Every structure is written in structure tokens, then in C-alpha cells.
Amino acid sequence: MDQKAISRELSLFISRVTADLPIRQIILFGSFAKNNGRYDSDIDLLMVGDFKINAIKDPTRILYDKYHDLETKHELHVIGLNMDDYENINDSITLASIRNTGKVIFSS
């Protein structure tokens, strides 16, 4: 796996989504966070922020609009959550795994 390519992709993504969104944390999880990502692995990211949610767009969709046109070698799998939800949801196996094995790659 090409760490430099992944770092470039993540840097480009981070600069794009943090430019005008209230992102508080970006957490890398999944295979790349565990250092066993492969050439065909996707990059899993949890974005935690202060999103203004309405009935039409949830945080994940808002984020998708910001990065879907980036040309990356690895597919990006992004989940968006409000900080309150991230801090208060305790019955999610996925969130428990992210909290335990994820790596914070951006914090504001």
C-alpha cells in the first residue's frame, strides 16, 4: 500500500471539507486505521461536526457533495455525525469500534 498516496488523498479531502464546513474531528477507521489496508481497500472516515441538519440533507449527504468529484485512487467511505450524536450514542457497535480503533487525523 502506498502511504504517500493515501496521505495525499486524505490531505486533499481534509482541505476540501474543512474549508467551509464546521468539522471538529475526522477519524480514520477500518483497515487503514489498523494498518492493514490493501490496494483495493476503501478509506473509511467519520466526520464529526456542528452540522445544520434539515429534513432534506443529513451530514453524510452534505459531506458527499463536497468530495464526490475528487479523483482518488481509493474509494472514500464517509460518515457524518453531529458532535452531540457522536458523544451521546452508546448503543452502536460501529461507533464503539470507531472509538476503540479509530485514529483522529484532524481536530479543530
PDB file of N, CA and C in Angstrom:
ATOM      1  N   MET A   1       0.847  -1.177   0.000  1.00  0.00           N
ATOM      2  CA  MET A   1       0.000   0.000   0.000  1.00  0.00           C
ATOM      3  C   MET A   1       0.889   1.235   0.000  1.00  0.00           C
ATOM      4  N   ASP A   2       0.518   2.220  -0.759  1.00  0.00           N
ATOM      5  CA  ASP A   2       1.301   3.438  -0.938  1.00  0.00           C
ATOM      6  C   ASP A   2       0.864   4.492   0.085  1.00  0.00           C
ATOM      7  N   GLN A   3       1.606   4.587   1.188  1.00  0.00           N
ATOM      8  CA  GLN A   3       1.254   5.518   2.267  1.00  0.00           C
ATOM      9  C   GLN A   3       1.255   6.969   1.796  1.00  0.00           C
ATOM     10  N   LYS A   4       2.182   7.316   0.905  1.00  0.00           N
ATOM     11  CA  LYS A   4       2.241   8.697   0.419  1.00  0.00           C
ATOM     12  C   LYS A   4       0.997   9.051  -0.381  1.00  0.00           C
ATOM     13  N   ALA A   5       0.532   8.124  -1.201  1.00  0.00           N
ATOM     14  CA  ALA A   5      -0.684   8.375  -1.987  1.00  0.00           C
ATOM     15  C   ALA A   5      -1.886   8.536  -1.065  1.00  0.00           C
ATOM     16  N   ILE A   6      -1.965   7.704  -0.049  1.00  0.00           N
ATOM     17  CA  ILE A   6      -3.078   7.796   0.899  1.00  0.00           C
ATOM     18  C   ILE A   6      -3.013   9.116   1.652  1.00  0.00           C
ATOM     19  N   SER A   7      -1.829   9.511   2.084  1.00  0.00           N
ATOM     20  CA  SER A   7      -1.671  10.792   2.783  1.00  0.00           C
ATOM     21  C   SER A   7      -2.077  11.959   1.899  1.00  0.00           C
ATOM     22  N   ARG A   8      -1.702  11.913   0.615  1.00  0.00           N
ATOM     23  CA  ARG A   8      -2.100  12.976  -0.319  1.00  0.00           C
ATOM     24  C   ARG A   8      -3.616  13.023  -0.481  1.00  0.00           C
ATOM     25  N   GLU A   9      -4.227  11.848  -0.641  1.00  0.00           N
ATOM     26  CA  GLU A   9      -5.676  11.791  -0.802  1.00  0.00           C
ATOM     27  C   GLU A   9      -6.377  12.345   0.436  1.00  0.00           C
ATOM     28  N   LEU A  10      -5.894  11.960   1.606  1.00  0.00           N
ATOM     29  CA  LEU A  10      -6.503  12.449   2.844  1.00  0.00           C
ATOM     30  C   LEU A  10      -6.302  13.951   3.007  1.00  0.00           C
ATOM     31  N   SER A  11      -5.130  14.451   2.677  1.00  0.00           N
ATOM     32  CA  SER A  11      -4.869  15.895   2.786  1.00  0.00           C
ATOM     33  C   SER A  11      -5.781  16.689   1.865  1.00  0.00           C
ATOM     34  N   LEU A  12      -5.941  16.220   0.644  1.00  0.00           N
ATOM     35  CA  LEU A  12      -6.828  16.888  -0.304  1.00  0.00           C
ATOM     36  C   LEU A  12      -8.265  16.875   0.194  1.00  0.00           C
ATOM     37  N   PHE A  13      -8.701  15.720   0.681  1.00  0.00           N
ATOM     38  CA  PHE A  13     -10.053  15.581   1.209  1.00  0.00           C
ATOM     39  C   PHE A  13     -10.261  16.511   2.401  1.00  0.00           C
ATOM     40  N   ILE A  14      -9.321  16.497   3.349  1.00  0.00           N
ATOM     41  CA  ILE A  14      -9.453  17.317   4.557  1.00  0.00           C
ATOM     42  C   ILE A  14      -9.521  18.795   4.200  1.00  0.00           C
ATOM     43  N   SER A  15      -8.665  19.246   3.306  1.00  0.00           N
ATOM     44  CA  SER A  15      -8.699  20.670   2.943  1.00  0.00           C
ATOM     45  C   SER A  15     -10.009  21.034   2.259  1.00  0.00           C
ATOM     46  N   ARG A  16     -10.558  20.121   1.484  1.00  0.00           N
ATOM     47  CA  ARG A  16     -11.814  20.389   0.786  1.00  0.00           C
ATOM     48  C   ARG A  16     -12.985  20.500   1.767  1.00  0.00           C
ATOM     49  N   VAL A  17     -13.114  19.543   2.681  1.00  0.00           N
ATOM     50  CA  VAL A  17     -14.294  19.523   3.546  1.00  0.00           C
ATOM     51  C   VAL A  17     -14.198  20.483   4.726  1.00  0.00           C
ATOM     52  N   THR A  18     -12.979  20.827   5.135  1.00  0.00           N
ATOM     53  CA  THR A  18     -12.865  21.739   6.276  1.00  0.00           C
ATOM     54  C   THR A  18     -12.868  23.202   5.853  1.00  0.00           C
ATOM     55  N   ALA A  19     -12.814  23.466   4.565  1.00  0.00           N
ATOM     56  CA  ALA A  19     -12.774  24.851   4.083  1.00  0.00           C
ATOM     57  C   ALA A  19     -14.014  25.636   4.479  1.00  0.00           C
ATOM     58  N   ASP A  20     -15.168  25.010   4.411  1.00  0.00           N
ATOM     59  CA  ASP A  20     -16.387  25.754   4.725  1.00  0.00           C
ATOM     60  C   ASP A  20     -17.422  24.943   5.500  1.00  0.00           C
ATOM     61  N   LEU A  21     -16.985  23.864   6.124  1.00  0.00           N
ATOM     62  CA  LEU A  21     -17.885  23.092   6.982  1.00  0.00           C
ATOM     63  C   LEU A  21     -17.338  23.092   8.408  1.00  0.00           C
ATOM     64  N   PRO A  22     -18.230  23.081   9.394  1.00  0.00           N
ATOM     65  CA  PRO A  22     -17.796  23.130  10.795  1.00  0.00           C
ATOM     66  C   PRO A  22     -17.347  21.761  11.316  1.00  0.00           C
ATOM     67  N   ILE A  23     -16.258  21.265  10.769  1.00  0.00           N
ATOM     68  CA  ILE A  23     -15.744  19.947  11.155  1.00  0.00           C
ATOM     69  C   ILE A  23     -14.921  20.087  12.428  1.00  0.00           C
ATOM     70  N   ARG A  24     -15.224  19.251  13.413  1.00  0.00           N
ATOM     71  CA  ARG A  24     -14.468  19.275  14.656  1.00  0.00           C
ATOM     72  C   ARG A  24     -13.440  18.155  14.730  1.00  0.00           C
ATOM     73  N   GLN A  25     -13.790  17.003  14.157  1.00  0.00           N
ATOM     74  CA  GLN A  25     -12.854  15.877  14.146  1.00  0.00           C
ATOM     75  C   GLN A  25     -13.052  15.055  12.880  1.00  0.00           C
ATOM     76  N   ILE A  26     -11.956  14.495  12.397  1.00  0.00           N
ATOM     77  CA  ILE A  26     -12.012  13.493  11.344  1.00  0.00           C
ATOM     78  C   ILE A  26     -11.288  12.274  11.888  1.00  0.00           C
ATOM     79  N   ILE A  27     -11.985  11.151  11.877  1.00  0.00           N
ATOM     80  CA  ILE A  27     -11.439   9.919  12.439  1.00  0.00           C
ATOM     81  C   ILE A  27     -11.324   8.876  11.333  1.00  0.00           C
ATOM     82  N   LEU A  28     -10.110   8.390  11.132  1.00  0.00           N
ATOM     83  CA  LEU A  28      -9.857   7.305  10.191  1.00  0.00           C
ATOM     84  C   LEU A  28     -10.164   6.000  10.911  1.00  0.00           C
ATOM     85  N   PHE A  29     -10.952   5.144  10.276  1.00  0.00           N
ATOM     86  CA  PHE A  29     -11.231   3.843  10.883  1.00  0.00           C
ATOM     87  C   PHE A  29     -11.179   2.767   9.799  1.00  0.00           C
ATOM     88  N   GLY A  30     -11.355   1.533  10.207  1.00  0.00           N
ATOM     89  CA  GLY A  30     -11.309   0.442   9.238  1.00  0.00           C
ATOM     90  C   GLY A  30      -9.887  -0.032   8.988  1.00  0.00           C
ATOM     91  N   SER A  31      -9.686  -0.621   7.821  1.00  0.00           N
ATOM     92  CA  SER A  31      -8.412  -1.293   7.534  1.00  0.00           C
ATOM     93  C   SER A  31      -7.211  -0.357   7.558  1.00  0.00           C
ATOM     94  N   PHE A  32      -7.350   0.864   7.051  1.00  0.00           N
ATOM     95  CA  PHE A  32      -6.194   1.764   7.052  1.00  0.00           C
ATOM     96  C   PHE A  32      -5.844   2.231   8.463  1.00  0.00           C
ATOM     97  N   ALA A  33      -6.818   2.363   9.336  1.00  0.00           N
ATOM     98  CA  ALA A  33      -6.533   2.736  10.724  1.00  0.00           C
ATOM     99  C   ALA A  33      -5.819   1.601  11.449  1.00  0.00           C
ATOM    100  N   LYS A  34      -6.082   0.380  11.004  1.00  0.00           N
ATOM    101  CA  LYS A  34      -5.450  -0.794  11.618  1.00  0.00           C
ATOM    102  C   LYS A  34      -4.153  -1.184  10.911  1.00  0.00           C
ATOM    103  N   ASN A  35      -3.733  -0.350   9.955  1.00  0.00           N
ATOM    104  CA  ASN A  35      -2.501  -0.588   9.187  1.00  0.00           C
ATOM    105  C   ASN A  35      -2.513  -1.890   8.393  1.00  0.00           C
ATOM    106  N   ASN A  36      -3.695  -2.307   7.949  1.00  0.00           N
ATOM    107  CA  ASN A  36      -3.743  -3.487   7.087  1.00  0.00           C
ATOM    108  C   ASN A  36      -4.575  -3.239   5.829  1.00  0.00           C
ATOM    109  N   GLY A  37      -4.616  -1.981   5.399  1.00  0.00           N
ATOM    110  CA  GLY A  37      -5.306  -1.645   4.159  1.00  0.00           C
ATOM    111  C   GLY A  37      -4.560  -2.197   2.962  1.00  0.00           C
ATOM    112  N   ARG A  38      -5.314  -2.534   1.933  1.00  0.00           N
ATOM    113  CA  ARG A  38      -4.732  -3.066   0.702  1.00  0.00           C
ATOM    114  C   ARG A  38      -4.971  -2.081  -0.433  1.00  0.00           C
ATOM    115  N   TYR A  39      -4.430  -2.405  -1.601  1.00  0.00           N
ATOM    116  CA  TYR A  39      -4.583  -1.514  -2.756  1.00  0.00           C
ATOM    117  C   TYR A  39      -6.047  -1.319  -3.132  1.00  0.00           C
ATOM    118  N   ASP A  40      -6.898  -2.320  -2.826  1.00  0.00           N
ATOM    119  CA  ASP A  40      -8.308  -2.220  -3.190  1.00  0.00           C
ATOM    120  C   ASP A  40      -9.205  -1.854  -2.001  1.00  0.00           C
ATOM    121  N   SER A  41      -8.603  -1.500  -0.874  1.00  0.00           N
ATOM    122  CA  SER A  41      -9.384  -1.095   0.304  1.00  0.00           C
ATOM    123  C   SER A  41      -9.904   0.321   0.127  1.00  0.00           C
ATOM    124  N   ASP A  42     -11.061   0.572   0.711  1.00  0.00           N
ATOM    125  CA  ASP A  42     -11.535   1.951   0.715  1.00  0.00           C
ATOM    126  C   ASP A  42     -11.020   2.648   1.966  1.00  0.00           C
ATOM    127  N   ILE A  43     -11.131   3.963   1.970  1.00  0.00           N
ATOM    128  CA  ILE A  43     -10.706   4.769   3.113  1.00  0.00           C
ATOM    129  C   ILE A  43     -11.963   5.135   3.889  1.00  0.00           C
ATOM    130  N   ASP A  44     -12.048   4.660   5.126  1.00  0.00           N
ATOM    131  CA  ASP A  44     -13.217   4.885   5.973  1.00  0.00           C
ATOM    132  C   ASP A  44     -12.964   6.069   6.891  1.00  0.00           C
ATOM    133  N   LEU A  45     -13.880   7.028   6.865  1.00  0.00           N
ATOM    134  CA  LEU A  45     -13.732   8.239   7.669  1.00  0.00           C
ATOM    135  C   LEU A  45     -15.032   8.577   8.380  1.00  0.00           C
ATOM    136  N   LEU A  46     -14.898   8.978   9.640  1.00  0.00           N
ATOM    137  CA  LEU A  46     -16.024   9.541  10.381  1.00  0.00           C
ATOM    138  C   LEU A  46     -15.738  11.020  10.557  1.00  0.00           C
ATOM    139  N   MET A  47     -16.676  11.837  10.117  1.00  0.00           N
ATOM    140  CA  MET A  47     -16.562  13.286  10.245  1.00  0.00           C
ATOM    141  C   MET A  47     -17.514  13.721  11.349  1.00  0.00           C
ATOM    142  N   VAL A  48     -16.977  14.373  12.356  1.00  0.00           N
ATOM    143  CA  VAL A  48     -17.791  14.856  13.463  1.00  0.00           C
ATOM    144  C   VAL A  48     -17.776  16.373  13.408  1.00  0.00           C
ATOM    145  N   GLY A  49     -18.962  16.968  13.419  1.00  0.00           N
ATOM    146  CA  GLY A  49     -19.022  18.419  13.300  1.00  0.00           C
ATOM    147  C   GLY A  49     -20.297  19.006  13.849  1.00  0.00           C
ATOM    148  N   ASP A  50     -20.436  20.283  13.632  1.00  0.00           N
ATOM    149  CA  ASP A  50     -21.637  21.013  14.044  1.00  0.00           C
ATOM    150  C   ASP A  50     -22.457  21.292  12.790  1.00  0.00           C
ATOM    151  N   PHE A  51     -23.085  20.249  12.288  1.00  0.00           N
ATOM    152  CA  PHE A  51     -23.850  20.359  11.057  1.00  0.00           C
ATOM    153  C   PHE A  51     -25.241  20.905  11.332  1.00  0.00           C
ATOM    154  N   LYS A  52     -25.699  21.759  10.441  1.00  0.00           N
ATOM    155  CA  LYS A  52     -27.084  22.224  10.497  1.00  0.00           C
ATOM    156  C   LYS A  52     -27.890  21.243   9.664  1.00  0.00           C
ATOM    157  N   ILE A  53     -28.692  20.472  10.350  1.00  0.00           N
ATOM    158  CA  ILE A  53     -29.431  19.410   9.674  1.00  0.00           C
ATOM    159  C   ILE A  53     -30.841  19.883   9.355  1.00  0.00           C
ATOM    160  N   ASN A  54     -31.291  19.509   8.174  1.00  0.00           N
ATOM    161  CA  ASN A  54     -32.686  19.724   7.839  1.00  0.00           C
ATOM    162  C   ASN A  54     -33.248  18.409   7.330  1.00  0.00           C
ATOM    163  N   ALA A  55     -34.501  18.413   7.001  1.00  0.00           N
ATOM    164  CA  ALA A  55     -35.158  17.170   6.593  1.00  0.00           C
ATOM    165  C   ALA A  55     -34.643  16.652   5.257  1.00  0.00           C
ATOM    166  N   ILE A  56     -34.000  17.509   4.484  1.00  0.00           N
ATOM    167  CA  ILE A  56     -33.579  17.109   3.148  1.00  0.00           C
ATOM    168  C   ILE A  56     -32.169  16.521   3.145  1.00  0.00           C
ATOM    169  N   LYS A  57     -31.252  17.116   3.885  1.00  0.00           N
ATOM    170  CA  LYS A  57     -29.859  16.659   3.839  1.00  0.00           C
ATOM    171  C   LYS A  57     -29.345  16.299   5.228  1.00  0.00           C
ATOM    172  N   ASP A  58     -28.799  15.100   5.337  1.00  0.00           N
ATOM    173  CA  ASP A  58     -28.141  14.721   6.578  1.00  0.00           C
ATOM    174  C   ASP A  58     -26.641  15.007   6.435  1.00  0.00           C
ATOM    175  N   PRO A  59     -25.869  14.930   7.511  1.00  0.00           N
ATOM    176  CA  PRO A  59     -24.447  15.269   7.437  1.00  0.00           C
ATOM    177  C   PRO A  59     -23.671  14.459   6.398  1.00  0.00           C
ATOM    178  N   THR A  60     -23.994  13.180   6.268  1.00  0.00           N
ATOM    179  CA  THR A  60     -23.273  12.353   5.303  1.00  0.00           C
ATOM    180  C   THR A  60     -23.493  12.855   3.886  1.00  0.00           C
ATOM    181  N   ARG A  61     -24.701  13.263   3.574  1.00  0.00           N
ATOM    182  CA  ARG A  61     -25.010  13.784   2.234  1.00  0.00           C
ATOM    183  C   ARG A  61     -24.333  15.137   2.008  1.00  0.00           C
ATOM    184  N   ILE A  62     -24.326  15.981   3.019  1.00  0.00           N
ATOM    185  CA  ILE A  62     -23.654  17.282   2.913  1.00  0.00           C
ATOM    186  C   ILE A  62     -22.171  17.058   2.599  1.00  0.00           C
ATOM    187  N   LEU A  63     -21.548  16.116   3.288  1.00  0.00           N
ATOM    188  CA  LEU A  63     -20.135  15.813   3.058  1.00  0.00           C
ATOM    189  C   LEU A  63     -19.908  15.242   1.664  1.00  0.00           C
ATOM    190  N   TYR A  64     -20.791  14.354   1.238  1.00  0.00           N
ATOM    191  CA  TYR A  64     -20.651  13.752  -0.089  1.00  0.00           C
ATOM    192  C   TYR A  64     -20.621  14.828  -1.170  1.00  0.00           C
ATOM    193  N   ASP A  65     -21.450  15.827  -1.031  1.00  0.00           N
ATOM    194  CA  ASP A  65     -21.479  16.920  -2.006  1.00  0.00           C
ATOM    195  C   ASP A  65     -20.130  17.627  -2.100  1.00  0.00           C
ATOM    196  N   LYS A  66     -19.342  17.591  -1.037  1.00  0.00           N
ATOM    197  CA  LYS A  66     -18.044  18.270  -1.010  1.00  0.00           C
ATOM    198  C   LYS A  66     -16.911  17.448  -1.621  1.00  0.00           C
ATOM    199  N   TYR A  67     -17.014  16.124  -1.593  1.00  0.00           N
ATOM    200  CA  TYR A  67     -15.870  15.324  -2.030  1.00  0.00           C
ATOM    201  C   TYR A  67     -16.137  14.383  -3.204  1.00  0.00           C
ATOM    202  N   HIS A  68     -17.365  14.239  -3.647  1.00  0.00           N
ATOM    203  CA  HIS A  68     -17.674  13.200  -4.638  1.00  0.00           C
ATOM    204  C   HIS A  68     -16.915  13.349  -5.952  1.00  0.00           C
ATOM    205  N   ASP A  69     -16.450  14.548  -6.275  1.00  0.00           N
ATOM    206  CA  ASP A  69     -15.747  14.745  -7.540  1.00  0.00           C
ATOM    207  C   ASP A  69     -14.217  14.691  -7.401  1.00  0.00           C
ATOM    208  N   LEU A  70     -13.717  14.400  -6.211  1.00  0.00           N
ATOM    209  CA  LEU A  70     -12.266  14.260  -6.040  1.00  0.00           C
ATOM    210  C   LEU A  70     -11.781  12.997  -6.753  1.00  0.00           C
ATOM    211  N   GLU A  71     -10.675  13.116  -7.435  1.00  0.00           N
ATOM    212  CA  GLU A  71     -10.084  11.947  -8.083  1.00  0.00           C
ATOM    213  C   GLU A  71      -9.107  11.307  -7.108  1.00  0.00           C
ATOM    214  N   THR A  72      -9.486  10.151  -6.604  1.00  0.00           N
ATOM    215  CA  THR A  72      -8.654   9.442  -5.642  1.00  0.00           C
ATOM    216  C   THR A  72      -8.460   7.998  -6.090  1.00  0.00           C
ATOM    217  N   LYS A  73      -7.343   7.437  -5.686  1.00  0.00           N
ATOM    218  CA  LYS A  73      -7.042   6.045  -6.011  1.00  0.00           C
ATOM    219  C   LYS A  73      -7.923   5.104  -5.193  1.00  0.00           C
ATOM    220  N   HIS A  74      -8.232   5.515  -3.989  1.00  0.00           N
ATOM    221  CA  HIS A  74      -9.050   4.708  -3.089  1.00  0.00           C
ATOM    222  C   HIS A  74     -10.429   5.339  -2.952  1.00  0.00           C
ATOM    223  N   GLU A  75     -11.434   4.498  -2.926  1.00  0.00           N
ATOM    224  CA  GLU A  75     -12.790   4.993  -2.717  1.00  0.00           C
ATOM    225  C   GLU A  75     -12.914   5.508  -1.288  1.00  0.00           C
ATOM    226  N   LEU A  76     -13.611   6.618  -1.131  1.00  0.00           N
ATOM    227  CA  LEU A  76     -13.833   7.187   0.196  1.00  0.00           C
ATOM    228  C   LEU A  76     -15.198   6.753   0.709  1.00  0.00           C
ATOM    229  N   HIS A  77     -15.222   6.265   1.925  1.00  0.00           N
ATOM    230  CA  HIS A  77     -16.471   5.916   2.602  1.00  0.00           C
ATOM    231  C   HIS A  77     -16.556   6.836   3.814  1.00  0.00           C
ATOM    232  N   VAL A  78     -17.465   7.804   3.752  1.00  0.00           N
ATOM    233  CA  VAL A  78     -17.516   8.861   4.762  1.00  0.00           C
ATOM    234  C   VAL A  78     -18.856   8.834   5.483  1.00  0.00           C
ATOM    235  N   ILE A  79     -18.783   8.901   6.803  1.00  0.00           N
ATOM    236  CA  ILE A  79     -19.971   9.011   7.646  1.00  0.00           C
ATOM    237  C   ILE A  79     -19.898  10.357   8.344  1.00  0.00           C
ATOM    238  N   GLY A  80     -20.992  11.085   8.371  1.00  0.00           N
ATOM    239  CA  GLY A  80     -21.042  12.364   9.070  1.00  0.00           C
ATOM    240  C   GLY A  80     -21.964  12.294  10.268  1.00  0.00           C
ATOM    241  N   LEU A  81     -21.515  12.830  11.387  1.00  0.00           N
ATOM    242  CA  LEU A  81     -22.324  12.878  12.610  1.00  0.00           C
ATOM    243  C   LEU A  81     -22.169  14.234  13.280  1.00  0.00           C
ATOM    244  N   ASN A  82     -23.238  14.679  13.893  1.00  0.00           N
ATOM    245  CA  ASN A  82     -23.146  15.854  14.754  1.00  0.00           C
ATOM    246  C   ASN A  82     -22.397  15.468  16.018  1.00  0.00           C
ATOM    247  N   MET A  83     -21.700  16.423  16.608  1.00  0.00           N
ATOM    248  CA  MET A  83     -20.923  16.163  17.823  1.00  0.00           C
ATOM    249  C   MET A  83     -21.807  15.599  18.930  1.00  0.00           C
ATOM    250  N   ASP A  84     -23.005  16.137  19.104  1.00  0.00           N
ATOM    251  CA  ASP A  84     -23.905  15.629  20.144  1.00  0.00           C
ATOM    252  C   ASP A  84     -24.208  14.148  19.941  1.00  0.00           C
ATOM    253  N   ASP A  85     -24.481  13.762  18.694  1.00  0.00           N
ATOM    254  CA  ASP A  85     -24.764  12.354  18.419  1.00  0.00           C
ATOM    255  C   ASP A  85     -23.534  11.494  18.686  1.00  0.00           C
ATOM    256  N   TYR A  86     -22.371  11.959  18.256  1.00  0.00           N
ATOM    257  CA  TYR A  86     -21.146  11.189  18.463  1.00  0.00           C
ATOM    258  C   TYR A  86     -20.887  10.969  19.954  1.00  0.00           C
ATOM    259  N   GLU A  87     -21.113  11.995  20.748  1.00  0.00           N
ATOM    260  CA  GLU A  87     -20.842  11.897  22.185  1.00  0.00           C
ATOM    261  C   GLU A  87     -21.906  11.106  22.939  1.00  0.00           C
ATOM    262  N   ASN A  88     -23.146  11.074  22.430  1.00  0.00           N
ATOM    263  CA  ASN A  88     -24.247  10.510  23.205  1.00  0.00           C
ATOM    264  C   ASN A  88     -24.787   9.172  22.724  1.00  0.00           C
ATOM    265  N   ILE A  89     -24.460   8.755  21.517  1.00  0.00           N
ATOM    266  CA  ILE A  89     -24.943   7.453  21.049  1.00  0.00           C
ATOM    267  C   ILE A  89     -24.029   6.378  21.618  1.00  0.00           C
ATOM    268  N   ASN A  90     -24.602   5.515  22.433  1.00  0.00           N
ATOM    269  CA  ASN A  90     -23.805   4.491  23.103  1.00  0.00           C
ATOM    270  C   ASN A  90     -24.198   3.071  22.720  1.00  0.00           C
ATOM    271  N   ASP A  91     -25.221   2.911  21.891  1.00  0.00           N
ATOM    272  CA  ASP A  91     -25.690   1.573  21.560  1.00  0.00           C
ATOM    273  C   ASP A  91     -25.332   1.151  20.136  1.00  0.00           C
ATOM    274  N   SER A  92     -24.346   1.796  19.558  1.00  0.00           N
ATOM    275  CA  SER A  92     -23.931   1.479  18.196  1.00  0.00           C
ATOM    276  C   SER A  92     -22.623   0.692  18.209  1.00  0.00           C
ATOM    277  N   ILE A  93     -22.659  -0.499  17.650  1.00  0.00           N
ATOM    278  CA  ILE A  93     -21.452  -1.321  17.566  1.00  0.00           C
ATOM    279  C   ILE A  93     -20.416  -0.640  16.682  1.00  0.00           C
ATOM    280  N   THR A  94     -20.872  -0.031  15.589  1.00  0.00           N
ATOM    281  CA  THR A  94     -19.952   0.655  14.684  1.00  0.00           C
ATOM    282  C   THR A  94     -19.247   1.802  15.390  1.00  0.00           C
ATOM    283  N   LEU A  95     -20.003   2.636  16.114  1.00  0.00           N
ATOM    284  CA  LEU A  95     -19.380   3.755  16.826  1.00  0.00           C
ATOM    285  C   LEU A  95     -18.435   3.266  17.916  1.00  0.00           C
ATOM    286  N   ALA A  96     -18.802   2.196  18.591  1.00  0.00           N
ATOM    287  CA  ALA A  96     -17.915   1.647  19.622  1.00  0.00           C
ATOM    288  C   ALA A  96     -16.591   1.209  19.001  1.00  0.00           C
ATOM    289  N   SER A  97     -16.661   0.578  17.849  1.00  0.00           N
ATOM    290  CA  SER A  97     -15.444   0.149  17.157  1.00  0.00           C
ATOM    291  C   SER A  97     -14.605   1.346  16.715  1.00  0.00           C
ATOM    292  N   ILE A  98     -15.264   2.373  16.179  1.00  0.00           N
ATOM    293  CA  ILE A  98     -14.541   3.573  15.746  1.00  0.00           C
ATOM    294  C   ILE A  98     -13.865   4.238  16.939  1.00  0.00           C
ATOM    295  N   ARG A  99     -14.565   4.332  18.052  1.00  0.00           N
ATOM    296  CA  ARG A  99     -13.981   4.949  19.250  1.00  0.00           C
ATOM    297  C   ARG A  99     -12.770   4.160  19.748  1.00  0.00           C
ATOM    298  N   ASN A 100     -12.824   2.840  19.628  1.00  0.00           N
ATOM    299  CA  ASN A 100     -11.744   1.991  20.145  1.00  0.00           C
ATOM    300  C   ASN A 100     -10.544   1.888  19.217  1.00  0.00           C
ATOM    301  N   THR A 101     -10.774   1.848  17.908  1.00  0.00           N
ATOM    302  CA  THR A 101      -9.667   1.585  16.983  1.00  0.00           C
ATOM    303  C   THR A 101      -9.394   2.718  16.001  1.00  0.00           C
ATOM    304  N   GLY A 102     -10.258   3.724  15.975  1.00  0.00           N
ATOM    305  CA  GLY A 102     -10.070   4.819  15.027  1.00  0.00           C
ATOM    306  C   GLY A 102      -8.909   5.724  15.412  1.00  0.00           C
ATOM    307  N   LYS A 103      -8.396   6.434  14.411  1.00  0.00           N
ATOM    308  CA  LYS A 103      -7.294   7.377  14.621  1.00  0.00           C
ATOM    309  C   LYS A 103      -7.763   8.768  14.223  1.00  0.00           C
ATOM    310  N   VAL A 104      -7.669   9.708  15.143  1.00  0.00           N
ATOM    311  CA  VAL A 104      -8.036  11.089  14.840  1.00  0.00           C
ATOM    312  C   VAL A 104      -6.961  11.658  13.917  1.00  0.00           C
ATOM    313  N   ILE A 105      -7.372  12.087  12.722  1.00  0.00           N
ATOM    314  CA  ILE A 105      -6.411  12.643  11.763  1.00  0.00           C
ATOM    315  C   ILE A 105      -6.611  14.139  11.566  1.00  0.00           C
ATOM    316  N   PHE A 106      -7.678  14.684  12.156  1.00  0.00           N
ATOM    317  CA  PHE A 106      -7.915  16.127  12.123  1.00  0.00           C
ATOM    318  C   PHE A 106      -8.724  16.482  13.352  1.00  0.00           C
ATOM    319  N   SER A 107      -8.368  17.601  13.979  1.00  0.00           N
ATOM    320  CA  SER A 107      -9.120  18.097  15.127  1.00  0.00           C
ATOM    321  C   SER A 107      -9.017  19.611  15.141  1.00  0.00           C
ATOM    322  N   SER A 108     -10.149  20.250  15.401  1.00  0.00           N
ATOM    323  CA  SER A 108     -10.126  21.719  15.457  1.00  0.00           C
ATOM    324  C   SER A 108     -10.555  22.203  16.822  1.00  0.00           C
TER     325      SER A 108
END
